[in-house]
């Protein structure tokens, strides 16, 4: 239920600083690196 409140409708999901940045798939290594650079 808490996931749906955050807008996550499929898993897995990744959130950075409270923002959903990926949902419904496992990121590739390159995608994960790009997401982490946003921190």
C-alpha atoms as a PDB file:
ATOM      1  CA  UNK A   1       0.000   0.000   0.000  1.00  0.00           C
ATOM      2  CA  UNK A   2       2.799   2.459   0.843  1.00  0.00           C
ATOM      3  CA  UNK A   3       4.405   1.781  -2.534  1.00  0.00           C
ATOM      4  CA  UNK A   4       1.236   2.751  -4.376  1.00  0.00           C
ATOM      5  CA  UNK A   5       1.073   5.989  -2.372  1.00  0.00           C
ATOM      6  CA  UNK A   6       4.527   6.839  -3.746  1.00  0.00           C
ATOM      7  CA  UNK A   7       3.436   6.062  -7.306  1.00  0.00           C
ATOM      8  CA  UNK A   8       5.226   2.716  -7.596  1.00  0.00           C
ATOM      9  CA  UNK A   9       3.029   0.294  -9.500  1.00  0.00           C
ATOM     10  CA  UNK A  10       5.658  -2.326 -10.343  1.00  0.00           C
ATOM     11  CA  UNK A  11       8.808  -3.612  -8.697  1.00  0.00           C
ATOM     12  CA  UNK A  12      11.706  -3.412  -8.388  1.00  0.00           C
ATOM     13  CA  UNK A  13      11.911   0.331  -7.893  1.00  0.00           C
ATOM     14  CA  UNK A  14      14.691   2.767  -7.022  1.00  0.00           C
ATOM     15  CA  UNK A  15      14.203   6.048  -5.163  1.00  0.00           C
ATOM     16  CA  UNK A  16      16.870   8.700  -4.661  1.00  0.00           C
ATOM     17  CA  UNK A  17      16.226  11.479  -2.145  1.00  0.00           C
ATOM     18  CA  UNK A  18      12.545  10.546  -2.065  1.00  0.00           C
ATOM     19  CA  UNK A  19      12.107  10.702  -5.857  1.00  0.00           C
ATOM     20  CA  UNK A  20      11.189   7.543  -7.790  1.00  0.00           C
ATOM     21  CA  UNK A  21      13.821   7.362 -10.529  1.00  0.00           C
ATOM     22  CA  UNK A  22      13.254   3.813 -11.801  1.00  0.00           C
ATOM     23  CA  UNK A  23      10.364   1.396 -11.602  1.00  0.00           C
ATOM     24  CA  UNK A  24       9.544  -1.965 -13.117  1.00  0.00           C
ATOM     25  CA  UNK A  25      12.991  -3.166 -14.121  1.00  0.00           C
ATOM     26  CA  UNK A  26      16.477  -3.858 -12.859  1.00  0.00           C
ATOM     27  CA  UNK A  27      18.851  -1.147 -14.051  1.00  0.00           C
ATOM     28  CA  UNK A  28      21.886  -2.046 -16.101  1.00  0.00           C
ATOM     29  CA  UNK A  29      25.252  -1.207 -14.585  1.00  0.00           C
ATOM     30  CA  UNK A  30      25.468   1.921 -16.755  1.00  0.00           C
ATOM     31  CA  UNK A  31      21.946   3.036 -15.782  1.00  0.00           C
ATOM     32  CA  UNK A  32      22.762   2.541 -12.096  1.00  0.00           C
ATOM     33  CA  UNK A  33      25.954   4.592 -12.429  1.00  0.00           C
ATOM     34  CA  UNK A  34      24.058   7.445 -14.117  1.00  0.00           C
ATOM     35  CA  UNK A  35      21.405   7.417 -11.410  1.00  0.00           C
ATOM     36  CA  UNK A  36      23.985   7.463  -8.631  1.00  0.00           C
ATOM     37  CA  UNK A  37      25.818  10.402 -10.198  1.00  0.00           C
ATOM     38  CA  UNK A  38      22.680  12.454  -9.527  1.00  0.00           C
ATOM     39  CA  UNK A  39      23.402  12.265  -5.803  1.00  0.00           C
END
